[in-house]
mmCIF file of all heavy atoms, coordinates in Angstrom:
data_MODEL
# 
_entry.id   MODEL 
# 
loop_
_atom_site.group_PDB 
_atom_site.id 
_atom_site.type_symbol 
_atom_site.label_atom_id 
_atom_site.label_alt_id 
_atom_site.label_comp_id 
_atom_site.label_asym_id 
_atom_site.label_entity_id 
_atom_site.label_seq_id 
_atom_site.pdbx_PDB_ins_code 
_atom_site.Cartn_x 
_atom_site.Cartn_y 
_atom_site.Cartn_z 
_atom_site.occupancy 
_atom_site.B_iso_or_equiv 
_atom_site.pdbx_formal_charge 
_atom_site.auth_seq_id 
_atom_site.auth_comp_id 
_atom_site.auth_asym_id 
_atom_site.auth_atom_id 
_atom_site.pdbx_PDB_model_num 
ATOM 1   N N   . LEU A 1 1  ? 128.951 145.741 104.154 1.00 0.00 ? 1  LEU A N   1 
ATOM 2   C CA  . LEU A 1 1  ? 127.562 145.914 104.561 1.00 0.00 ? 1  LEU A CA  1 
ATOM 3   C C   . LEU A 1 1  ? 126.996 147.300 104.249 1.00 0.00 ? 1  LEU A C   1 
ATOM 4   O O   . LEU A 1 1  ? 125.862 147.387 103.757 1.00 0.00 ? 1  LEU A O   1 
ATOM 5   C CB  . LEU A 1 1  ? 127.398 145.595 106.047 1.00 0.00 ? 1  LEU A CB  1 
ATOM 6   C CG  . LEU A 1 1  ? 125.964 145.494 106.528 1.00 0.00 ? 1  LEU A CG  1 
ATOM 7   C CD1 . LEU A 1 1  ? 125.212 144.402 105.760 1.00 0.00 ? 1  LEU A CD1 1 
ATOM 8   C CD2 . LEU A 1 1  ? 125.924 145.208 108.011 1.00 0.00 ? 1  LEU A CD2 1 
ATOM 9   N N   . PRO A 1 2  ? 127.723 148.404 104.457 1.00 0.00 ? 2  PRO A N   1 
ATOM 10  C CA  . PRO A 1 2  ? 127.159 149.706 104.093 1.00 0.00 ? 2  PRO A CA  1 
ATOM 11  C C   . PRO A 1 2  ? 126.817 149.821 102.602 1.00 0.00 ? 2  PRO A C   1 
ATOM 12  O O   . PRO A 1 2  ? 125.811 150.431 102.237 1.00 0.00 ? 2  PRO A O   1 
ATOM 13  C CB  . PRO A 1 2  ? 128.254 150.702 104.476 1.00 0.00 ? 2  PRO A CB  1 
ATOM 14  C CG  . PRO A 1 2  ? 129.055 150.001 105.520 1.00 0.00 ? 2  PRO A CG  1 
ATOM 15  C CD  . PRO A 1 2  ? 129.002 148.547 105.157 1.00 0.00 ? 2  PRO A CD  1 
ATOM 16  N N   . ILE A 1 3  ? 127.617 149.211 101.758 1.00 0.00 ? 3  ILE A N   1 
ATOM 17  C CA  . ILE A 1 3  ? 127.342 149.239 100.321 1.00 0.00 ? 3  ILE A CA  1 
ATOM 18  C C   . ILE A 1 3  ? 126.083 148.438 100.020 1.00 0.00 ? 3  ILE A C   1 
ATOM 19  O O   . ILE A 1 3  ? 125.233 148.865 99.232  1.00 0.00 ? 3  ILE A O   1 
ATOM 20  C CB  . ILE A 1 3  ? 128.555 148.695 99.528  1.00 0.00 ? 3  ILE A CB  1 
ATOM 21  C CG1 . ILE A 1 3  ? 129.764 149.607 99.752  1.00 0.00 ? 3  ILE A CG1 1 
ATOM 22  C CG2 . ILE A 1 3  ? 128.233 148.575 98.050  1.00 0.00 ? 3  ILE A CG2 1 
ATOM 23  C CD1 . ILE A 1 3  ? 131.062 149.057 99.219  1.00 0.00 ? 3  ILE A CD1 1 
ATOM 24  N N   . VAL A 1 4  ? 125.944 147.286 100.665 1.00 0.00 ? 4  VAL A N   1 
ATOM 25  C CA  . VAL A 1 4  ? 124.752 146.460 100.459 1.00 0.00 ? 4  VAL A CA  1 
ATOM 26  C C   . VAL A 1 4  ? 123.512 147.211 100.938 1.00 0.00 ? 4  VAL A C   1 
ATOM 27  O O   . VAL A 1 4  ? 122.475 147.202 100.267 1.00 0.00 ? 4  VAL A O   1 
ATOM 28  C CB  . VAL A 1 4  ? 124.897 145.095 101.179 1.00 0.00 ? 4  VAL A CB  1 
ATOM 29  C CG1 . VAL A 1 4  ? 123.590 144.324 101.161 1.00 0.00 ? 4  VAL A CG1 1 
ATOM 30  C CG2 . VAL A 1 4  ? 126.010 144.281 100.538 1.00 0.00 ? 4  VAL A CG2 1 
ATOM 31  N N   . ARG A 1 5  ? 123.619 147.882 102.075 1.00 0.00 ? 5  ARG A N   1 
ATOM 32  C CA  . ARG A 1 5  ? 122.480 148.655 102.587 1.00 0.00 ? 5  ARG A CA  1 
ATOM 33  C C   . ARG A 1 5  ? 122.118 149.787 101.626 1.00 0.00 ? 5  ARG A C   1 
ATOM 34  O O   . ARG A 1 5  ? 120.940 150.095 101.412 1.00 0.00 ? 5  ARG A O   1 
ATOM 35  C CB  . ARG A 1 5  ? 122.780 149.217 103.981 1.00 0.00 ? 5  ARG A CB  1 
ATOM 36  C CG  . ARG A 1 5  ? 122.990 148.155 105.036 1.00 0.00 ? 5  ARG A CG  1 
ATOM 37  C CD  . ARG A 1 5  ? 121.753 147.291 105.233 1.00 0.00 ? 5  ARG A CD  1 
ATOM 38  N NE  . ARG A 1 5  ? 121.989 146.293 106.267 1.00 0.00 ? 5  ARG A NE  1 
ATOM 39  C CZ  . ARG A 1 5  ? 121.581 145.040 106.179 1.00 0.00 ? 5  ARG A CZ  1 
ATOM 40  N NH1 . ARG A 1 5  ? 120.897 144.629 105.140 1.00 0.00 ? 5  ARG A NH1 1 
ATOM 41  N NH2 . ARG A 1 5  ? 121.841 144.188 107.137 1.00 0.00 ? 5  ARG A NH2 1 
ATOM 42  N N   . GLN A 1 6  ? 123.103 150.389 101.006 1.00 0.00 ? 6  GLN A N   1 
ATOM 43  C CA  . GLN A 1 6  ? 122.875 151.441 100.018 1.00 0.00 ? 6  GLN A CA  1 
ATOM 44  C C   . GLN A 1 6  ? 122.156 150.879 98.790  1.00 0.00 ? 6  GLN A C   1 
ATOM 45  O O   . GLN A 1 6  ? 121.236 151.497 98.260  1.00 0.00 ? 6  GLN A O   1 
ATOM 46  C CB  . GLN A 1 6  ? 124.228 152.047 99.618  1.00 0.00 ? 6  GLN A CB  1 
ATOM 47  C CG  . GLN A 1 6  ? 124.154 153.221 98.677  1.00 0.00 ? 6  GLN A CG  1 
ATOM 48  C CD  . GLN A 1 6  ? 125.537 153.698 98.291  1.00 0.00 ? 6  GLN A CD  1 
ATOM 49  O OE1 . GLN A 1 6  ? 126.407 152.879 97.964  1.00 0.00 ? 6  GLN A OE1 1 
ATOM 50  N NE2 . GLN A 1 6  ? 125.749 155.000 98.338  1.00 0.00 ? 6  GLN A NE2 1 
ATOM 51  N N   . ILE A 1 7  ? 122.572 149.697 98.369  1.00 0.00 ? 7  ILE A N   1 
ATOM 52  C CA  . ILE A 1 7  ? 121.933 149.034 97.226  1.00 0.00 ? 7  ILE A CA  1 
ATOM 53  C C   . ILE A 1 7  ? 120.491 148.693 97.567  1.00 0.00 ? 7  ILE A C   1 
ATOM 54  O O   . ILE A 1 7  ? 119.580 148.888 96.751  1.00 0.00 ? 7  ILE A O   1 
ATOM 55  C CB  . ILE A 1 7  ? 122.733 147.777 96.816  1.00 0.00 ? 7  ILE A CB  1 
ATOM 56  C CG1 . ILE A 1 7  ? 124.082 148.186 96.207  1.00 0.00 ? 7  ILE A CG1 1 
ATOM 57  C CG2 . ILE A 1 7  ? 121.943 146.913 95.840  1.00 0.00 ? 7  ILE A CG2 1 
ATOM 58  C CD1 . ILE A 1 7  ? 125.053 147.045 96.012  1.00 0.00 ? 7  ILE A CD1 1 
ATOM 59  N N   . GLU A 1 8  ? 120.255 148.215 98.789  1.00 0.00 ? 8  GLU A N   1 
ATOM 60  C CA  . GLU A 1 8  ? 118.890 147.911 99.224  1.00 0.00 ? 8  GLU A CA  1 
ATOM 61  C C   . GLU A 1 8  ? 118.027 149.178 99.249  1.00 0.00 ? 8  GLU A C   1 
ATOM 62  O O   . GLU A 1 8  ? 116.862 149.158 98.837  1.00 0.00 ? 8  GLU A O   1 
ATOM 63  C CB  . GLU A 1 8  ? 118.898 147.260 100.608 1.00 0.00 ? 8  GLU A CB  1 
ATOM 64  C CG  . GLU A 1 8  ? 119.423 145.847 100.606 1.00 0.00 ? 8  GLU A CG  1 
ATOM 65  C CD  . GLU A 1 8  ? 119.556 145.278 102.010 1.00 0.00 ? 8  GLU A CD  1 
ATOM 66  O OE1 . GLU A 1 8  ? 119.810 146.033 102.965 1.00 0.00 ? 8  GLU A OE1 1 
ATOM 67  O OE2 . GLU A 1 8  ? 119.420 144.043 102.147 1.00 0.00 ? 8  GLU A OE2 1 
ATOM 68  N N   . ALA A 1 9  ? 118.611 150.275 99.720  1.00 0.00 ? 9  ALA A N   1 
ATOM 69  C CA  . ALA A 1 9  ? 117.869 151.533 99.778  1.00 0.00 ? 9  ALA A CA  1 
ATOM 70  C C   . ALA A 1 9  ? 117.507 152.045 98.383  1.00 0.00 ? 9  ALA A C   1 
ATOM 71  O O   . ALA A 1 9  ? 116.511 152.742 98.208  1.00 0.00 ? 9  ALA A O   1 
ATOM 72  C CB  . ALA A 1 9  ? 118.687 152.587 100.522 1.00 0.00 ? 9  ALA A CB  1 
ATOM 73  N N   . ALA A 1 10 ? 118.312 151.648 97.392  1.00 0.00 ? 10 ALA A N   1 
ATOM 74  C CA  . ALA A 1 10 ? 118.044 152.058 96.011  1.00 0.00 ? 10 ALA A CA  1 
ATOM 75  C C   . ALA A 1 10 ? 116.974 151.196 95.366  1.00 0.00 ? 10 ALA A C   1 
ATOM 76  O O   . ALA A 1 10 ? 116.607 151.432 94.208  1.00 0.00 ? 10 ALA A O   1 
ATOM 77  C CB  . ALA A 1 10 ? 119.327 152.004 95.200  1.00 0.00 ? 10 ALA A CB  1 
ATOM 78  N N   . GLY A 1 11 ? 116.471 150.186 96.083  1.00 0.00 ? 11 GLY A N   1 
ATOM 79  C CA  . GLY A 1 11 ? 115.361 149.409 95.570  1.00 0.00 ? 11 GLY A CA  1 
ATOM 80  C C   . GLY A 1 11 ? 115.620 147.935 95.302  1.00 0.00 ? 11 GLY A C   1 
ATOM 81  O O   . GLY A 1 11 ? 114.718 147.213 94.906  1.00 0.00 ? 11 GLY A O   1 
ATOM 82  N N   . ALA A 1 12 ? 116.847 147.465 95.496  1.00 0.00 ? 12 ALA A N   1 
ATOM 83  C CA  . ALA A 1 12 ? 117.145 146.044 95.294  1.00 0.00 ? 12 ALA A CA  1 
ATOM 84  C C   . ALA A 1 12 ? 116.652 145.286 96.523  1.00 0.00 ? 12 ALA A C   1 
ATOM 85  O O   . ALA A 1 12 ? 117.160 145.471 97.616  1.00 0.00 ? 12 ALA A O   1 
ATOM 86  C CB  . ALA A 1 12 ? 118.633 145.831 95.093  1.00 0.00 ? 12 ALA A CB  1 
ATOM 87  N N   . THR A 1 13 ? 115.652 144.424 96.333  1.00 0.00 ? 13 THR A N   1 
ATOM 88  C CA  . THR A 1 13 ? 115.062 143.750 97.489  1.00 0.00 ? 13 THR A CA  1 
ATOM 89  C C   . THR A 1 13 ? 115.439 142.275 97.585  1.00 0.00 ? 13 THR A C   1 
ATOM 90  O O   . THR A 1 13 ? 115.314 141.687 98.647  1.00 0.00 ? 13 THR A O   1 
ATOM 91  C CB  . THR A 1 13 ? 113.524 143.850 97.438  1.00 0.00 ? 13 THR A CB  1 
ATOM 92  O OG1 . THR A 1 13 ? 113.070 143.299 96.202  1.00 0.00 ? 13 THR A OG1 1 
ATOM 93  C CG2 . THR A 1 13 ? 113.077 145.304 97.553  1.00 0.00 ? 13 THR A CG2 1 
ATOM 94  N N   . THR A 1 14 ? 115.899 141.678 96.505  1.00 0.00 ? 14 THR A N   1 
ATOM 95  C CA  . THR A 1 14 ? 116.238 140.251 96.543  1.00 0.00 ? 14 THR A CA  1 
ATOM 96  C C   . THR A 1 14 ? 117.754 140.079 96.569  1.00 0.00 ? 14 THR A C   1 
ATOM 97  O O   . THR A 1 14 ? 118.513 140.973 96.186  1.00 0.00 ? 14 THR A O   1 
ATOM 98  C CB  . THR A 1 14 ? 115.676 139.516 95.318  1.00 0.00 ? 14 THR A CB  1 
ATOM 99  O OG1 . THR A 1 14 ? 116.338 140.011 94.139  1.00 0.00 ? 14 THR A OG1 1 
ATOM 100 C CG2 . THR A 1 14 ? 114.169 139.700 95.206  1.00 0.00 ? 14 THR A CG2 1 
ATOM 101 N N   . HIS A 1 15 ? 118.157 138.920 97.015  1.00 0.00 ? 15 HIS A N   1 
ATOM 102 C CA  . HIS A 1 15 ? 119.592 138.617 97.021  1.00 0.00 ? 15 HIS A CA  1 
ATOM 103 C C   . HIS A 1 15 ? 120.149 138.639 95.604  1.00 0.00 ? 15 HIS A C   1 
ATOM 104 O O   . HIS A 1 15 ? 121.266 139.098 95.384  1.00 0.00 ? 15 HIS A O   1 
ATOM 105 C CB  . HIS A 1 15 ? 119.848 137.251 97.665  1.00 0.00 ? 15 HIS A CB  1 
ATOM 106 C CG  . HIS A 1 15 ? 119.502 137.213 99.122  1.00 0.00 ? 15 HIS A CG  1 
ATOM 107 N ND1 . HIS A 1 15 ? 119.041 136.091 99.732  1.00 0.00 ? 15 HIS A ND1 1 
ATOM 108 C CD2 . HIS A 1 15 ? 119.529 138.157 100.092 1.00 0.00 ? 15 HIS A CD2 1 
ATOM 109 C CE1 . HIS A 1 15 ? 118.816 136.325 101.007 1.00 0.00 ? 15 HIS A CE1 1 
ATOM 110 N NE2 . HIS A 1 15 ? 119.105 137.582 101.254 1.00 0.00 ? 15 HIS A NE2 1 
ATOM 111 N N   . ARG A 1 16 ? 119.389 138.155 94.669  1.00 0.00 ? 16 ARG A N   1 
ATOM 112 C CA  . ARG A 1 16 ? 119.833 138.141 93.266  1.00 0.00 ? 16 ARG A CA  1 
ATOM 113 C C   . ARG A 1 16 ? 120.031 139.570 92.750  1.00 0.00 ? 16 ARG A C   1 
ATOM 114 O O   . ARG A 1 16 ? 121.002 139.858 92.051  1.00 0.00 ? 16 ARG A O   1 
ATOM 115 C CB  . ARG A 1 16 ? 118.823 137.394 92.406  1.00 0.00 ? 16 ARG A CB  1 
ATOM 116 C CG  . ARG A 1 16 ? 119.288 137.275 90.957  1.00 0.00 ? 16 ARG A CG  1 
ATOM 117 C CD  . ARG A 1 16 ? 118.471 136.279 90.210  1.00 0.00 ? 16 ARG A CD  1 
ATOM 118 N NE  . ARG A 1 16 ? 118.784 134.966 90.796  1.00 0.00 ? 16 ARG A NE  1 
ATOM 119 C CZ  . ARG A 1 16 ? 118.093 133.869 90.567  1.00 0.00 ? 16 ARG A CZ  1 
ATOM 120 N NH1 . ARG A 1 16 ? 117.065 133.895 89.770  1.00 0.00 ? 16 ARG A NH1 1 
ATOM 121 N NH2 . ARG A 1 16 ? 118.432 132.729 91.133  1.00 0.00 ? 16 ARG A NH2 1 
ATOM 122 N N   . ALA A 1 17 ? 119.118 140.487 93.108  1.00 0.00 ? 17 ALA A N   1 
ATOM 123 C CA  . ALA A 1 17 ? 119.243 141.881 92.670  1.00 0.00 ? 17 ALA A CA  1 
ATOM 124 C C   . ALA A 1 17 ? 120.454 142.554 93.311  1.00 0.00 ? 17 ALA A C   1 
ATOM 125 O O   . ALA A 1 17 ? 121.172 143.326 92.662  1.00 0.00 ? 17 ALA A O   1 
ATOM 126 C CB  . ALA A 1 17 ? 117.966 142.645 93.011  1.00 0.00 ? 17 ALA A CB  1 
ATOM 127 N N   . ILE A 1 18 ? 120.700 142.239 94.573  1.00 0.00 ? 18 ILE A N   1 
ATOM 128 C CA  . ILE A 1 18 ? 121.876 142.795 95.255  1.00 0.00 ? 18 ILE A CA  1 
ATOM 129 C C   . ILE A 1 18 ? 123.150 142.260 94.604  1.00 0.00 ? 18 ILE A C   1 
ATOM 130 O O   . ILE A 1 18 ? 124.107 143.013 94.365  1.00 0.00 ? 18 ILE A O   1 
ATOM 131 C CB  . ILE A 1 18 ? 121.835 142.474 96.764  1.00 0.00 ? 18 ILE A CB  1 
ATOM 132 C CG1 . ILE A 1 18 ? 120.637 143.178 97.415  1.00 0.00 ? 18 ILE A CG1 1 
ATOM 133 C CG2 . ILE A 1 18 ? 123.140 142.877 97.446  1.00 0.00 ? 18 ILE A CG2 1 
ATOM 134 C CD1 . ILE A 1 18 ? 120.356 142.726 98.836  1.00 0.00 ? 18 ILE A CD1 1 
ATOM 135 N N   . ALA A 1 19 ? 123.170 140.972 94.298  1.00 0.00 ? 19 ALA A N   1 
ATOM 136 C CA  . ALA A 1 19 ? 124.332 140.366 93.630  1.00 0.00 ? 19 ALA A CA  1 
ATOM 137 C C   . ALA A 1 19 ? 124.583 141.043 92.295  1.00 0.00 ? 19 ALA A C   1 
ATOM 138 O O   . ALA A 1 19 ? 125.725 141.371 91.951  1.00 0.00 ? 19 ALA A O   1 
ATOM 139 C CB  . ALA A 1 19 ? 124.123 138.866 93.451  1.00 0.00 ? 19 ALA A CB  1 
ATOM 140 N N   . ALA A 1 20 ? 123.530 141.263 91.532  1.00 0.00 ? 20 ALA A N   1 
ATOM 141 C CA  . ALA A 1 20 ? 123.677 141.919 90.228  1.00 0.00 ? 20 ALA A CA  1 
ATOM 142 C C   . ALA A 1 20 ? 124.235 143.332 90.393  1.00 0.00 ? 20 ALA A C   1 
ATOM 143 O O   . ALA A 1 20 ? 125.099 143.764 89.615  1.00 0.00 ? 20 ALA A O   1 
ATOM 144 C CB  . ALA A 1 20 ? 122.333 141.955 89.511  1.00 0.00 ? 20 ALA A CB  1 
ATOM 145 N N   . ALA A 1 21 ? 123.771 144.052 91.416  1.00 0.00 ? 21 ALA A N   1 
ATOM 146 C CA  . ALA A 1 21 ? 124.265 145.407 91.659  1.00 0.00 ? 21 ALA A CA  1 
ATOM 147 C C   . ALA A 1 21 ? 125.731 145.403 92.061  1.00 0.00 ? 21 ALA A C   1 
ATOM 148 O O   . ALA A 1 21 ? 126.516 146.249 91.610  1.00 0.00 ? 21 ALA A O   1 
ATOM 149 C CB  . ALA A 1 21 ? 123.411 146.086 92.722  1.00 0.00 ? 21 ALA A CB  1 
ATOM 150 N N   . LEU A 1 22 ? 126.114 144.468 92.915  1.00 0.00 ? 22 LEU A N   1 
ATOM 151 C CA  . LEU A 1 22 ? 127.518 144.366 93.323  1.00 0.00 ? 22 LEU A CA  1 
ATOM 152 C C   . LEU A 1 22 ? 128.406 144.043 92.112  1.00 0.00 ? 22 LEU A C   1 
ATOM 153 O O   . LEU A 1 22 ? 129.478 144.633 91.941  1.00 0.00 ? 22 LEU A O   1 
ATOM 154 C CB  . LEU A 1 22 ? 127.691 143.306 94.411  1.00 0.00 ? 22 LEU A CB  1 
ATOM 155 C CG  . LEU A 1 22 ? 127.133 143.666 95.787  1.00 0.00 ? 22 LEU A CG  1 
ATOM 156 C CD1 . LEU A 1 22 ? 127.124 142.436 96.691  1.00 0.00 ? 22 LEU A CD1 1 
ATOM 157 C CD2 . LEU A 1 22 ? 127.929 144.792 96.422  1.00 0.00 ? 22 LEU A CD2 1 
ATOM 158 N N   . ASN A 1 23 ? 127.950 143.114 91.277  1.00 0.00 ? 23 ASN A N   1 
ATOM 159 C CA  . ASN A 1 23 ? 128.713 142.767 90.079  1.00 0.00 ? 23 ASN A CA  1 
ATOM 160 C C   . ASN A 1 23 ? 128.805 143.951 89.126  1.00 0.00 ? 23 ASN A C   1 
ATOM 161 O O   . ASN A 1 23 ? 129.851 144.195 88.520  1.00 0.00 ? 23 ASN A O   1 
ATOM 162 C CB  . ASN A 1 23 ? 128.090 141.555 89.382  1.00 0.00 ? 23 ASN A CB  1 
ATOM 163 C CG  . ASN A 1 23 ? 128.297 140.285 90.174  1.00 0.00 ? 23 ASN A CG  1 
ATOM 164 O OD1 . ASN A 1 23 ? 129.302 140.114 90.853  1.00 0.00 ? 23 ASN A OD1 1 
ATOM 165 N ND2 . ASN A 1 23 ? 127.332 139.390 90.110  1.00 0.00 ? 23 ASN A ND2 1 
ATOM 166 N N   . ALA A 1 24 ? 127.703 144.697 88.983  1.00 0.00 ? 24 ALA A N   1 
ATOM 167 C CA  . ALA A 1 24 ? 127.692 145.855 88.088  1.00 0.00 ? 24 ALA A CA  1 
ATOM 168 C C   . ALA A 1 24 ? 128.668 146.931 88.571  1.00 0.00 ? 24 ALA A C   1 
ATOM 169 O O   . ALA A 1 24 ? 129.252 147.644 87.765  1.00 0.00 ? 24 ALA A O   1 
ATOM 170 C CB  . ALA A 1 24 ? 126.278 146.424 87.999  1.00 0.00 ? 24 ALA A CB  1 
ATOM 171 N N   . ARG A 1 25 ? 128.835 147.039 89.872  1.00 0.00 ? 25 ARG A N   1 
ATOM 172 C CA  . ARG A 1 25 ? 129.763 148.020 90.438  1.00 0.00 ? 25 ARG A CA  1 
ATOM 173 C C   . ARG A 1 25 ? 131.217 147.542 90.389  1.00 0.00 ? 25 ARG A C   1 
ATOM 174 O O   . ARG A 1 25 ? 132.121 148.259 90.776  1.00 0.00 ? 25 ARG A O   1 
ATOM 175 C CB  . ARG A 1 25 ? 129.396 148.333 91.890  1.00 0.00 ? 25 ARG A CB  1 
ATOM 176 C CG  . ARG A 1 25 ? 128.107 149.098 92.031  1.00 0.00 ? 25 ARG A CG  1 
ATOM 177 C CD  . ARG A 1 25 ? 127.837 149.406 93.468  1.00 0.00 ? 25 ARG A CD  1 
ATOM 178 N NE  . ARG A 1 25 ? 126.593 150.141 93.626  1.00 0.00 ? 25 ARG A NE  1 
ATOM 179 C CZ  . ARG A 1 25 ? 126.296 150.853 94.697  1.00 0.00 ? 25 ARG A CZ  1 
ATOM 180 N NH1 . ARG A 1 25 ? 127.145 150.926 95.694  1.00 0.00 ? 25 ARG A NH1 1 
ATOM 181 N NH2 . ARG A 1 25 ? 125.153 151.489 94.763  1.00 0.00 ? 25 ARG A NH2 1 
# 
């Protein structure tokens, strides 16, 4: 959850964008 919150704070607002960020990491 802290990583997801960090991704959201960086501007990812949709579940798809968060998924892409997690995969990219």
